[in-house]
Amino acid sequence: MGHVDLQPSSFISDFLLQTGGVAVIDGGLATELERHGADLNDPLWSAKCLLSSPHLIRTVHLDYLEAGADIIITASYQATIQGFEARGFSRGESEALLRKSVEIACEARKMYYDRCIEFACDDREDGRILKHRPILVAASVGSYGAYLADGSEYSGIYGDEITVETLKDFHRRRVQILADAGADLIAFETVPNKLEAQAYAELLEEENIKIPSWFSFNSKDGVMWSVVILCLNVTTKPILIYPNSGESYDPDQKEWVQKTGVSVEDFVSYVNKWCEVGASLVGGCCRTTPNTIRAIYRTLSNNRSATASLES
């Protein structure tokens, strides 16, 4: 859950007007990469595929676009210059891999548009949605804790030695590269504490980042949801909600606890509630799939059709 910081202010507003007021964000990446055959048992996690199998990343992006996603998020959540350098890559090679994450997403968008021209149809029998529409590429920036891979991306406990300046130094070059690589916006994801949110905000201003950004926060106890609801009354910024499937993650075993999530039907039942309280960008995070996103798209499409009928 989070909000979009508009730079310039009209960009996302104009985009939302074109999507009917609510845009669909894509779903989980790592699980889908594994479903397509990727081995992510690696400190780089999904970013490993930037090295070993970029075609799988492109395939997953396309799956989500064909499920109705209006925004696809790059495979850079776990991609950091420090992480790549620890694997023996040079600074130049590490920066090139960050750019590659954006390039792959942009390639997937172009391929999707080509398919829309070739097989144009809003709702095909095979379930694919091939509809030419505005699509944004969001460059993912995972938290410092995601780089540490020690569970602190969920707890937000970094230790007293980590300061705002430490975090800005860690993220600065990464953010610069992603902002200049051709993405439409930057997605600061699963922010686990106020310190890192402050670091991101200061970094955007210091580096004069021109593209929009969003901050999504990791809620550990449900309190964040209450805060977001309250914020709907005091902000004009678009609100985004894209939770995981509800499954629990064991950071020690580094695996998801099976059968702890909700069904696609249950997940999608919340979409209307999110929109009613002011969310204008909705999707899924970890362990959600193209089926989840397709169900969200259809729910929103049905709502738009019903509204149009009432207005006519």
C-alpha atoms as a PDB file:
ATOM      1  CA  MET A   1       0.000   0.000   0.000  1.00  0.00           C
ATOM      2  CA  GLY A   2       1.261   3.491  -0.697  1.00  0.00           C
ATOM      3  CA  HIS A   3       0.974   6.638  -2.729  1.00  0.00           C
ATOM      4  CA  VAL A   4       2.363   8.151  -5.902  1.00  0.00           C
ATOM      5  CA  ASP A   5       4.559  11.234  -5.733  1.00  0.00           C
ATOM      6  CA  LEU A   6       3.751  13.179  -8.871  1.00  0.00           C
ATOM      7  CA  GLN A   7       6.600  14.758 -10.839  1.00  0.00           C
ATOM      8  CA  PRO A   8       5.197  16.331 -12.981  1.00  0.00           C
ATOM      9  CA  SER A   9       1.828  16.450 -11.229  1.00  0.00           C
ATOM     10  CA  SER A  10      -0.330  15.831 -14.297  1.00  0.00           C
ATOM     11  CA  PHE A  11       1.387  12.686 -15.584  1.00  0.00           C
ATOM     12  CA  ILE A  12      -0.345  10.039 -13.473  1.00  0.00           C
ATOM     13  CA  SER A  13      -3.609  11.999 -13.450  1.00  0.00           C
ATOM     14  CA  ASP A  14      -3.670  12.013 -17.239  1.00  0.00           C
ATOM     15  CA  PHE A  15      -2.783   8.316 -17.291  1.00  0.00           C
ATOM     16  CA  LEU A  16      -5.640   7.479 -14.929  1.00  0.00           C
ATOM     17  CA  LEU A  17      -8.093   9.430 -17.063  1.00  0.00           C
ATOM     18  CA  GLN A  18      -7.147   7.173 -19.968  1.00  0.00           C
ATOM     19  CA  THR A  19      -7.608   4.008 -17.893  1.00  0.00           C
ATOM     20  CA  GLY A  20     -11.073   4.954 -16.694  1.00  0.00           C
ATOM     21  CA  GLY A  21     -10.003   6.215 -13.287  1.00  0.00           C
ATOM     22  CA  VAL A  22      -8.307   3.063 -11.994  1.00  0.00           C
ATOM     23  CA  ALA A  23      -5.171   1.377 -13.358  1.00  0.00           C
ATOM     24  CA  VAL A  24      -4.113  -2.247 -12.934  1.00  0.00           C
ATOM     25  CA  ILE A  25      -0.640  -3.040 -11.599  1.00  0.00           C
ATOM     26  CA  ASP A  26       0.909  -6.415 -12.422  1.00  0.00           C
ATOM     27  CA  GLY A  27       1.448  -9.258  -9.944  1.00  0.00           C
ATOM     28  CA  GLY A  28       4.233 -11.341  -8.421  1.00  0.00           C
ATOM     29  CA  LEU A  29       7.408 -11.814 -10.449  1.00  0.00           C
ATOM     30  CA  ALA A  30       9.568 -14.416  -8.709  1.00  0.00           C
ATOM     31  CA  THR A  31       6.886 -17.092  -8.436  1.00  0.00           C
ATOM     32  CA  GLU A  32       6.057 -16.712 -12.115  1.00  0.00           C
ATOM     33  CA  LEU A  33       9.714 -16.904 -13.100  1.00  0.00           C
ATOM     34  CA  GLU A  34       9.975 -20.151 -11.155  1.00  0.00           C
ATOM     35  CA  ARG A  35       6.823 -21.449 -12.821  1.00  0.00           C
ATOM     36  CA  HIS A  36       8.510 -20.846 -16.171  1.00  0.00           C
ATOM     37  CA  GLY A  37      11.544 -22.851 -15.066  1.00  0.00           C
ATOM     38  CA  ALA A  38      13.881 -20.333 -13.400  1.00  0.00           C
ATOM     39  CA  ASP A  39      16.016 -21.391 -10.422  1.00  0.00           C
ATOM     40  CA  LEU A  40      16.031 -18.464  -7.995  1.00  0.00           C
ATOM     41  CA  ASN A  41      18.009 -20.083  -5.195  1.00  0.00           C
ATOM     42  CA  ASP A  42      20.471 -17.230  -5.209  1.00  0.00           C
ATOM     43  CA  PRO A  43      21.152 -14.037  -3.218  1.00  0.00           C
ATOM     44  CA  LEU A  44      20.168 -12.074  -6.322  1.00  0.00           C
ATOM     45  CA  TRP A  45      16.754 -13.783  -6.321  1.00  0.00           C
ATOM     46  CA  SER A  46      14.676 -12.628  -9.329  1.00  0.00           C
ATOM     47  CA  ALA A  47      17.520 -10.363 -10.494  1.00  0.00           C
ATOM     48  CA  LYS A  48      19.474 -13.540 -11.270  1.00  0.00           C
ATOM     49  CA  CYS A  49      17.363 -13.872 -14.414  1.00  0.00           C
ATOM     50  CA  LEU A  50      18.835 -10.628 -15.747  1.00  0.00           C
ATOM     51  CA  LEU A  51      22.026 -12.691 -16.090  1.00  0.00           C
ATOM     52  CA  SER A  52      20.778 -16.173 -16.868  1.00  0.00           C
ATOM     53  CA  SER A  53      17.393 -15.926 -18.576  1.00  0.00           C
ATOM     54  CA  PRO A  54      16.168 -12.453 -19.535  1.00  0.00           C
ATOM     55  CA  HIS A  55      13.729 -14.088 -21.953  1.00  0.00           C
ATOM     56  CA  LEU A  56      11.796 -15.476 -18.974  1.00  0.00           C
ATOM     57  CA  ILE A  57      11.426 -11.984 -17.504  1.00  0.00           C
ATOM     58  CA  ARG A  58      10.080 -10.777 -20.841  1.00  0.00           C
ATOM     59  CA  THR A  59       7.651 -13.700 -20.929  1.00  0.00           C
ATOM     60  CA  VAL A  60       6.294 -12.901 -17.465  1.00  0.00           C
ATOM     61  CA  HIS A  61       5.870  -9.227 -18.375  1.00  0.00           C
ATOM     62  CA  LEU A  62       3.901 -10.290 -21.449  1.00  0.00           C
ATOM     63  CA  ASP A  63       1.771 -12.685 -19.389  1.00  0.00           C
ATOM     64  CA  TYR A  64       0.742  -9.810 -17.145  1.00  0.00           C
ATOM     65  CA  LEU A  65       0.060  -7.457 -20.034  1.00  0.00           C
ATOM     66  CA  GLU A  66      -2.139 -10.106 -21.620  1.00  0.00           C
ATOM     67  CA  ALA A  67      -3.908 -10.452 -18.272  1.00  0.00           C
ATOM     68  CA  GLY A  68      -4.841  -6.757 -18.367  1.00  0.00           C
ATOM     69  CA  ALA A  69      -2.041  -5.030 -16.448  1.00  0.00           C
ATOM     70  CA  ASP A  70      -1.599  -1.341 -17.262  1.00  0.00           C
ATOM     71  CA  ILE A  71       1.682  -1.099 -15.321  1.00  0.00           C
ATOM     72  CA  ILE A  72       4.514  -3.632 -15.365  1.00  0.00           C
ATOM     73  CA  ILE A  73       7.266  -3.540 -12.744  1.00  0.00           C
ATOM     74  CA  THR A  74      10.863  -4.289 -13.721  1.00  0.00           C
ATOM     75  CA  ALA A  75      12.950  -7.175 -12.393  1.00  0.00           C
ATOM     76  CA  SER A  76      15.183  -4.827 -10.413  1.00  0.00           C
ATOM     77  CA  TYR A  77      13.747  -5.221  -6.910  1.00  0.00           C
ATOM     78  CA  GLN A  78      16.743  -7.298  -5.825  1.00  0.00           C
ATOM     79  CA  ALA A  79      19.125  -5.760  -8.370  1.00  0.00           C
ATOM     80  CA  THR A  80      21.703  -3.551  -6.704  1.00  0.00           C
ATOM     81  CA  ILE A  81      25.138  -2.395  -7.768  1.00  0.00           C
ATOM     82  CA  GLN A  82      26.515  -3.676  -4.455  1.00  0.00           C
ATOM     83  CA  GLY A  83      24.895  -7.073  -4.959  1.00  0.00           C
ATOM     84  CA  PHE A  84      26.239  -7.480  -8.474  1.00  0.00           C
ATOM     85  CA  GLU A  85      29.715  -6.363  -7.437  1.00  0.00           C
ATOM     86  CA  ALA A  86      29.680  -8.956  -4.661  1.00  0.00           C
ATOM     87  CA  ARG A  87      29.193 -11.524  -7.423  1.00  0.00           C
ATOM     88  CA  GLY A  88      32.290 -10.290  -9.220  1.00  0.00           C
ATOM     89  CA  PHE A  89      30.796  -7.890 -11.745  1.00  0.00           C
ATOM     90  CA  SER A  90      32.422  -4.540 -12.434  1.00  0.00           C
ATOM     91  CA  ARG A  91      30.682  -1.249 -11.690  1.00  0.00           C
ATOM     92  CA  GLY A  92      29.987  -0.774 -15.401  1.00  0.00           C
ATOM     93  CA  GLU A  93      28.584  -4.283 -15.784  1.00  0.00           C
ATOM     94  CA  SER A  94      26.412  -3.823 -12.704  1.00  0.00           C
ATOM     95  CA  GLU A  95      24.975  -0.571 -14.003  1.00  0.00           C
ATOM     96  CA  ALA A  96      24.319  -2.190 -17.391  1.00  0.00           C
ATOM     97  CA  LEU A  97      22.285  -4.935 -15.693  1.00  0.00           C
ATOM     98  CA  LEU A  98      20.110  -2.318 -14.001  1.00  0.00           C
ATOM     99  CA  ARG A  99      19.450  -0.673 -17.364  1.00  0.00           C
ATOM    100  CA  LYS A 100      18.715  -4.079 -18.835  1.00  0.00           C
ATOM    101  CA  SER A 101      15.822  -4.580 -16.414  1.00  0.00           C
ATOM    102  CA  VAL A 102      14.107  -1.517 -17.871  1.00  0.00           C
ATOM    103  CA  GLU A 103      14.990  -2.449 -21.446  1.00  0.00           C
ATOM    104  CA  ILE A 104      13.391  -5.883 -21.058  1.00  0.00           C
ATOM    105  CA  ALA A 105      10.141  -4.373 -19.767  1.00  0.00           C
ATOM    106  CA  CYS A 106      10.077  -1.842 -22.603  1.00  0.00           C
ATOM    107  CA  GLU A 107      10.681  -4.647 -25.116  1.00  0.00           C
ATOM    108  CA  ALA A 108       7.771  -6.601 -23.622  1.00  0.00           C
ATOM    109  CA  ARG A 109       5.515  -3.563 -23.972  1.00  0.00           C
ATOM    110  CA  LYS A 110       6.462  -3.198 -27.649  1.00  0.00           C
ATOM    111  CA  MET A 111       5.873  -6.897 -28.274  1.00  0.00           C
ATOM    112  CA  TYR A 112       2.479  -6.597 -26.625  1.00  0.00           C
ATOM    113  CA  TYR A 113       1.514  -3.665 -28.817  1.00  0.00           C
ATOM    114  CA  ASP A 114       2.572  -5.661 -31.875  1.00  0.00           C
ATOM    115  CA  ARG A 115       0.344  -8.520 -30.751  1.00  0.00           C
ATOM    116  CA  CYS A 116      -2.541  -6.110 -30.254  1.00  0.00           C
ATOM    117  CA  ILE A 117      -2.250  -5.058 -33.889  1.00  0.00           C
ATOM    118  CA  GLU A 118      -2.004  -8.638 -35.105  1.00  0.00           C
ATOM    119  CA  PHE A 119      -4.666 -10.220 -32.896  1.00  0.00           C
ATOM    120  CA  ALA A 120      -6.806  -7.284 -31.790  1.00  0.00           C
ATOM    121  CA  CYS A 121      -9.620  -8.365 -29.498  1.00  0.00           C
ATOM    122  CA  ASP A 122     -10.678  -7.052 -26.095  1.00  0.00           C
ATOM    123  CA  ASP A 123     -11.607 -10.424 -24.596  1.00  0.00           C
ATOM    124  CA  ARG A 124     -10.462 -13.514 -26.450  1.00  0.00           C
ATOM    125  CA  GLU A 125     -11.621 -17.094 -25.939  1.00  0.00           C
ATOM    126  CA  ASP A 126      -8.136 -18.012 -24.722  1.00  0.00           C
ATOM    127  CA  GLY A 127      -8.426 -15.413 -21.952  1.00  0.00           C
ATOM    128  CA  ARG A 128      -5.754 -13.110 -23.336  1.00  0.00           C
ATOM    129  CA  ILE A 129      -6.576  -9.422 -23.301  1.00  0.00           C
ATOM    130  CA  LEU A 130      -5.141  -7.792 -26.392  1.00  0.00           C
ATOM    131  CA  LYS A 131      -6.256  -4.209 -26.175  1.00  0.00           C
ATOM    132  CA  HIS A 132      -4.087  -1.266 -27.189  1.00  0.00           C
ATOM    133  CA  ARG A 133      -3.982   1.026 -24.183  1.00  0.00           C
ATOM    134  CA  PRO A 134      -1.507   3.216 -22.285  1.00  0.00           C
ATOM    135  CA  ILE A 135       1.045   1.017 -20.493  1.00  0.00           C
ATOM    136  CA  LEU A 136       3.657   2.239 -18.040  1.00  0.00           C
ATOM    137  CA  VAL A 137       6.967   0.672 -17.050  1.00  0.00           C
ATOM    138  CA  ALA A 138       7.786   1.085 -13.346  1.00  0.00           C
ATOM    139  CA  ALA A 139      11.416   0.621 -12.324  1.00  0.00           C
ATOM    140  CA  SER A 140      11.468  -1.323  -9.069  1.00  0.00           C
ATOM    141  CA  VAL A 141      13.707  -0.265  -6.183  1.00  0.00           C
ATOM    142  CA  GLY A 142      13.762  -2.774  -3.346  1.00  0.00           C
ATOM    143  CA  SER A 143      14.648  -1.751   0.180  1.00  0.00           C
ATOM    144  CA  TYR A 144      18.074  -1.957   1.776  1.00  0.00           C
ATOM    145  CA  GLY A 145      16.759  -4.935   3.692  1.00  0.00           C
ATOM    146  CA  ALA A 146      16.033  -6.763   0.440  1.00  0.00           C
ATOM    147  CA  TYR A 147      19.721  -6.453  -0.443  1.00  0.00           C
ATOM    148  CA  LEU A 148      20.710  -7.803   2.983  1.00  0.00           C
ATOM    149  CA  ALA A 149      18.344 -10.784   2.488  1.00  0.00           C
ATOM    150  CA  ASP A 150      18.171 -11.287   6.255  1.00  0.00           C
ATOM    151  CA  GLY A 151      14.492 -10.641   6.845  1.00  0.00           C
ATOM    152  CA  SER A 152      14.951  -6.944   7.641  1.00  0.00           C
ATOM    153  CA  GLU A 153      12.985  -5.962   4.549  1.00  0.00           C
ATOM    154  CA  TYR A 154       9.975  -7.149   6.557  1.00  0.00           C
ATOM    155  CA  SER A 155      10.990  -5.997  10.024  1.00  0.00           C
ATOM    156  CA  GLY A 156      12.576  -2.654   9.116  1.00  0.00           C
ATOM    157  CA  ILE A 157      15.198  -3.233  11.805  1.00  0.00           C
ATOM    158  CA  TYR A 158      18.478  -2.103  10.265  1.00  0.00           C
ATOM    159  CA  GLY A 159      20.420  -1.246  13.412  1.00  0.00           C
ATOM    160  CA  ASP A 160      21.538   2.082  14.844  1.00  0.00           C
ATOM    161  CA  GLU A 161      24.502   2.369  12.500  1.00  0.00           C
ATOM    162  CA  ILE A 162      22.227   2.779   9.463  1.00  0.00           C
ATOM    163  CA  THR A 163      21.252   6.417   8.924  1.00  0.00           C
ATOM    164  CA  VAL A 164      19.410   8.424   6.303  1.00  0.00           C
ATOM    165  CA  GLU A 165      22.763   9.298   4.744  1.00  0.00           C
ATOM    166  CA  THR A 166      23.824   5.644   4.696  1.00  0.00           C
ATOM    167  CA  LEU A 167      20.649   4.693   2.861  1.00  0.00           C
ATOM    168  CA  LYS A 168      20.931   7.568   0.391  1.00  0.00           C
ATOM    169  CA  ASP A 169      24.492   6.549  -0.430  1.00  0.00           C
ATOM    170  CA  PHE A 170      23.367   2.961  -0.943  1.00  0.00           C
ATOM    171  CA  HIS A 171      20.486   3.787  -3.300  1.00  0.00           C
ATOM    172  CA  ARG A 172      21.726   6.931  -5.065  1.00  0.00           C
ATOM    173  CA  ARG A 173      23.469   5.575  -8.174  1.00  0.00           C
ATOM    174  CA  ARG A 174      20.872   2.829  -8.588  1.00  0.00           C
ATOM    175  CA  VAL A 175      18.034   5.365  -8.629  1.00  0.00           C
ATOM    176  CA  GLN A 176      19.919   7.630 -11.048  1.00  0.00           C
ATOM    177  CA  ILE A 177      20.432   4.784 -13.522  1.00  0.00           C
ATOM    178  CA  LEU A 178      16.846   3.520 -13.373  1.00  0.00           C
ATOM    179  CA  ALA A 179      15.464   7.040 -13.761  1.00  0.00           C
ATOM    180  CA  ASP A 180      17.563   7.566 -16.894  1.00  0.00           C
ATOM    181  CA  ALA A 181      17.028   4.112 -18.404  1.00  0.00           C
ATOM    182  CA  GLY A 182      13.644   4.809 -19.994  1.00  0.00           C
ATOM    183  CA  ALA A 183      11.204   3.838 -17.241  1.00  0.00           C
ATOM    184  CA  ASP A 184       8.036   5.901 -16.872  1.00  0.00           C
ATOM    185  CA  LEU A 185       8.166   5.949 -13.088  1.00  0.00           C
ATOM    186  CA  ILE A 186      10.095   4.556 -10.124  1.00  0.00           C
ATOM    187  CA  ALA A 187       8.466   2.099  -7.716  1.00  0.00           C
ATOM    188  CA  PHE A 188      10.031   2.199  -4.252  1.00  0.00           C
ATOM    189  CA  GLU A 189       8.692  -1.106  -2.977  1.00  0.00           C
ATOM    190  CA  THR A 190       8.031  -2.670   0.430  1.00  0.00           C
ATOM    191  CA  VAL A 191       9.472   0.271   2.351  1.00  0.00           C
ATOM    192  CA  PRO A 192       9.774  -1.155   5.893  1.00  0.00           C
ATOM    193  CA  ASN A 193      10.453   1.952   7.976  1.00  0.00           C
ATOM    194  CA  LYS A 194      10.181   5.748   8.044  1.00  0.00           C
ATOM    195  CA  LEU A 195      13.951   6.149   7.810  1.00  0.00           C
ATOM    196  CA  GLU A 196      14.141   4.623   4.350  1.00  0.00           C
ATOM    197  CA  ALA A 197      11.089   6.539   3.159  1.00  0.00           C
ATOM    198  CA  GLN A 198      12.820   9.745   4.247  1.00  0.00           C
ATOM    199  CA  ALA A 199      15.995   8.712   2.436  1.00  0.00           C
ATOM    200  CA  TYR A 200      14.072   8.082  -0.790  1.00  0.00           C
ATOM    201  CA  ALA A 201      12.228  11.405  -0.569  1.00  0.00           C
ATOM    202  CA  GLU A 202      15.439  13.355  -0.006  1.00  0.00           C
ATOM    203  CA  LEU A 203      17.199  11.450  -2.763  1.00  0.00           C
ATOM    204  CA  LEU A 204      14.495  12.303  -5.314  1.00  0.00           C
ATOM    205  CA  GLU A 205      14.873  15.981  -4.495  1.00  0.00           C
ATOM    206  CA  GLU A 206      18.659  16.011  -4.357  1.00  0.00           C
ATOM    207  CA  GLU A 207      19.026  14.232  -7.688  1.00  0.00           C
ATOM    208  CA  ASN A 208      16.205  16.224  -9.303  1.00  0.00           C
ATOM    209  CA  ILE A 209      14.508  13.059 -10.547  1.00  0.00           C
ATOM    210  CA  LYS A 210      12.041  14.100 -13.235  1.00  0.00           C
ATOM    211  CA  ILE A 211       9.838  11.032 -13.536  1.00  0.00           C
ATOM    212  CA  PRO A 212       7.036  10.184 -11.048  1.00  0.00           C
ATOM    213  CA  SER A 213       7.607   7.748  -8.204  1.00  0.00           C
ATOM    214  CA  TRP A 214       5.517   5.711  -5.839  1.00  0.00           C
ATOM    215  CA  PHE A 215       6.197   4.539  -2.315  1.00  0.00           C
ATOM    216  CA  SER A 216       4.638   1.252  -1.224  1.00  0.00           C
ATOM    217  CA  PHE A 217       4.932   0.222   2.398  1.00  0.00           C
ATOM    218  CA  ASN A 218       5.249  -3.147   4.066  1.00  0.00           C
ATOM    219  CA  SER A 219       2.499  -3.518   6.679  1.00  0.00           C
ATOM    220  CA  LYS A 220       3.454  -5.894   9.474  1.00  0.00           C
ATOM    221  CA  ASP A 221       0.403  -5.591  11.719  1.00  0.00           C
ATOM    222  CA  GLY A 222      -2.412  -3.978   9.751  1.00  0.00           C
ATOM    223  CA  VAL A 223      -1.742  -0.551  11.241  1.00  0.00           C
ATOM    224  CA  MET A 224      -0.476   0.765   7.901  1.00  0.00           C
ATOM    225  CA  TRP A 225      -3.871   0.033   6.325  1.00  0.00           C
ATOM    226  CA  SER A 226      -5.543   2.284   8.879  1.00  0.00           C
ATOM    227  CA  VAL A 227      -2.998   5.008   8.165  1.00  0.00           C
ATOM    228  CA  VAL A 228      -3.615   4.765   4.425  1.00  0.00           C
ATOM    229  CA  ILE A 229      -7.376   5.020   4.930  1.00  0.00           C
ATOM    230  CA  LEU A 230      -6.892   8.179   6.982  1.00  0.00           C
ATOM    231  CA  CYS A 231      -4.496   9.610   4.385  1.00  0.00           C
ATOM    232  CA  LEU A 232      -7.209   9.322   1.713  1.00  0.00           C
ATOM    233  CA  ASN A 233      -8.912  12.248   3.384  1.00  0.00           C
ATOM    234  CA  VAL A 234      -5.894  14.543   3.383  1.00  0.00           C
ATOM    235  CA  THR A 235      -4.020  13.935   0.147  1.00  0.00           C
ATOM    236  CA  THR A 236      -4.703  14.530  -3.512  1.00  0.00           C
ATOM    237  CA  LYS A 237      -2.045  12.032  -4.546  1.00  0.00           C
ATOM    238  CA  PRO A 238      -3.208   8.756  -6.110  1.00  0.00           C
ATOM    239  CA  ILE A 239      -3.273   5.828  -3.678  1.00  0.00           C
ATOM    240  CA  LEU A 240      -2.015   2.407  -4.744  1.00  0.00           C
ATOM    241  CA  ILE A 241      -2.711  -0.977  -3.189  1.00  0.00           C
ATOM    242  CA  TYR A 242      -1.076  -4.186  -4.352  1.00  0.00           C
ATOM    243  CA  PRO A 243      -0.790  -6.716  -1.527  1.00  0.00           C
ATOM    244  CA  ASN A 244       0.628 -10.217  -1.633  1.00  0.00           C
ATOM    245  CA  SER A 245      -1.602 -13.268  -1.767  1.00  0.00           C
ATOM    246  CA  GLY A 246      -1.906 -13.451   1.995  1.00  0.00           C
ATOM    247  CA  GLU A 247       0.591 -16.283   2.365  1.00  0.00           C
ATOM    248  CA  SER A 248       3.107 -16.136   5.183  1.00  0.00           C
ATOM    249  CA  TYR A 249       6.826 -16.000   4.404  1.00  0.00           C
ATOM    250  CA  ASP A 250       9.427 -17.682   6.603  1.00  0.00           C
ATOM    251  CA  PRO A 251      12.541 -15.459   6.344  1.00  0.00           C
ATOM    252  CA  ASP A 252      14.693 -18.056   8.119  1.00  0.00           C
ATOM    253  CA  GLN A 253      13.806 -20.909   5.779  1.00  0.00           C
ATOM    254  CA  LYS A 254      13.432 -18.437   2.900  1.00  0.00           C
ATOM    255  CA  GLU A 255      10.234 -20.043   1.684  1.00  0.00           C
ATOM    256  CA  TRP A 256       6.503 -19.419   1.630  1.00  0.00           C
ATOM    257  CA  VAL A 257       4.329 -21.296   4.093  1.00  0.00           C
ATOM    258  CA  GLN A 258       1.937 -23.299   1.966  1.00  0.00           C
ATOM    259  CA  LYS A 259      -1.850 -22.960   2.223  1.00  0.00           C
ATOM    260  CA  THR A 260      -1.748 -19.739   4.221  1.00  0.00           C
ATOM    261  CA  GLY A 261      -3.030 -17.443   1.474  1.00  0.00           C
ATOM    262  CA  VAL A 262      -6.417 -16.604   0.009  1.00  0.00           C
ATOM    263  CA  SER A 263      -8.030 -17.690  -3.228  1.00  0.00           C
ATOM    264  CA  VAL A 264      -8.175 -15.461  -6.291  1.00  0.00           C
ATOM    265  CA  GLU A 265     -11.892 -15.001  -5.661  1.00  0.00           C
ATOM    266  CA  ASP A 266     -11.325 -13.836  -2.097  1.00  0.00           C
ATOM    267  CA  PHE A 267      -8.468 -11.566  -3.147  1.00  0.00           C
ATOM    268  CA  VAL A 268     -10.506  -9.876  -5.864  1.00  0.00           C
ATOM    269  CA  SER A 269     -13.474  -9.423  -3.539  1.00  0.00           C
ATOM    270  CA  TYR A 270     -11.497  -6.604  -1.903  1.00  0.00           C
ATOM    271  CA  VAL A 271     -10.928  -4.655  -5.132  1.00  0.00           C
ATOM    272  CA  ASN A 272     -14.212  -2.756  -4.968  1.00  0.00           C
ATOM    273  CA  LYS A 273     -13.580  -1.883  -1.306  1.00  0.00           C
ATOM    274  CA  TRP A 274     -10.129  -0.513  -2.146  1.00  0.00           C
ATOM    275  CA  CYS A 275     -11.561   1.613  -4.929  1.00  0.00           C
ATOM    276  CA  GLU A 276     -14.434   2.824  -2.752  1.00  0.00           C
ATOM    277  CA  VAL A 277     -12.019   4.234  -0.190  1.00  0.00           C
ATOM    278  CA  GLY A 278      -9.949   5.949  -2.862  1.00  0.00           C
ATOM    279  CA  ALA A 279      -7.395   3.593  -4.387  1.00  0.00           C
ATOM    280  CA  SER A 280      -6.755   4.340  -8.051  1.00  0.00           C
ATOM    281  CA  LEU A 281      -3.975   1.831  -8.790  1.00  0.00           C
ATOM    282  CA  VAL A 282      -4.553  -1.790  -7.757  1.00  0.00           C
ATOM    283  CA  GLY A 283      -2.740  -5.042  -8.368  1.00  0.00           C
ATOM    284  CA  GLY A 284      -0.878  -7.799  -6.591  1.00  0.00           C
ATOM    285  CA  CYS A 285       2.533  -8.487  -5.119  1.00  0.00           C
ATOM    286  CA  CYS A 286       4.234 -11.710  -4.005  1.00  0.00           C
ATOM    287  CA  ARG A 287       2.532 -14.967  -4.981  1.00  0.00           C
ATOM    288  CA  THR A 288      -0.202 -13.334  -7.022  1.00  0.00           C
ATOM    289  CA  THR A 289      -0.381 -14.512 -10.620  1.00  0.00           C
ATOM    290  CA  PRO A 290      -1.671 -13.456 -14.043  1.00  0.00           C
ATOM    291  CA  ASN A 291      -4.954 -15.113 -13.048  1.00  0.00           C
ATOM    292  CA  THR A 292      -5.205 -12.683 -10.128  1.00  0.00           C
ATOM    293  CA  ILE A 293      -4.507  -9.704 -12.343  1.00  0.00           C
ATOM    294  CA  ARG A 294      -6.954 -10.911 -14.999  1.00  0.00           C
ATOM    295  CA  ALA A 295      -9.665 -11.167 -12.336  1.00  0.00           C
ATOM    296  CA  ILE A 296      -8.874  -7.622 -11.153  1.00  0.00           C
ATOM    297  CA  TYR A 297      -9.033  -6.331 -14.727  1.00  0.00           C
ATOM    298  CA  ARG A 298     -12.400  -7.982 -15.328  1.00  0.00           C
ATOM    299  CA  THR A 299     -13.792  -6.713 -12.030  1.00  0.00           C
ATOM    300  CA  LEU A 300     -12.805  -3.159 -12.903  1.00  0.00           C
ATOM    301  CA  SER A 301     -14.085  -3.549 -16.472  1.00  0.00           C
ATOM    302  CA  ASN A 302     -17.452  -4.755 -15.178  1.00  0.00           C
ATOM    303  CA  ASN A 303     -17.620  -1.764 -12.845  1.00  0.00           C
ATOM    304  CA  ARG A 304     -16.882   0.643 -15.687  1.00  0.00           C
ATOM    305  CA  SER A 305     -19.523  -0.997 -17.885  1.00  0.00           C
ATOM    306  CA  ALA A 306     -22.101  -0.797 -15.113  1.00  0.00           C
ATOM    307  CA  THR A 307     -21.285   2.865 -14.488  1.00  0.00           C
ATOM    308  CA  ALA A 308     -21.530   3.649 -18.188  1.00  0.00           C
ATOM    309  CA  SER A 309     -24.945   1.975 -18.363  1.00  0.00           C
ATOM    310  CA  LEU A 310     -26.240   3.956 -15.411  1.00  0.00           C
ATOM    311  CA  GLU A 311     -24.966   7.233 -16.899  1.00  0.00           C
ATOM    312  CA  SER A 312     -26.612   6.513 -20.245  1.00  0.00           C
END
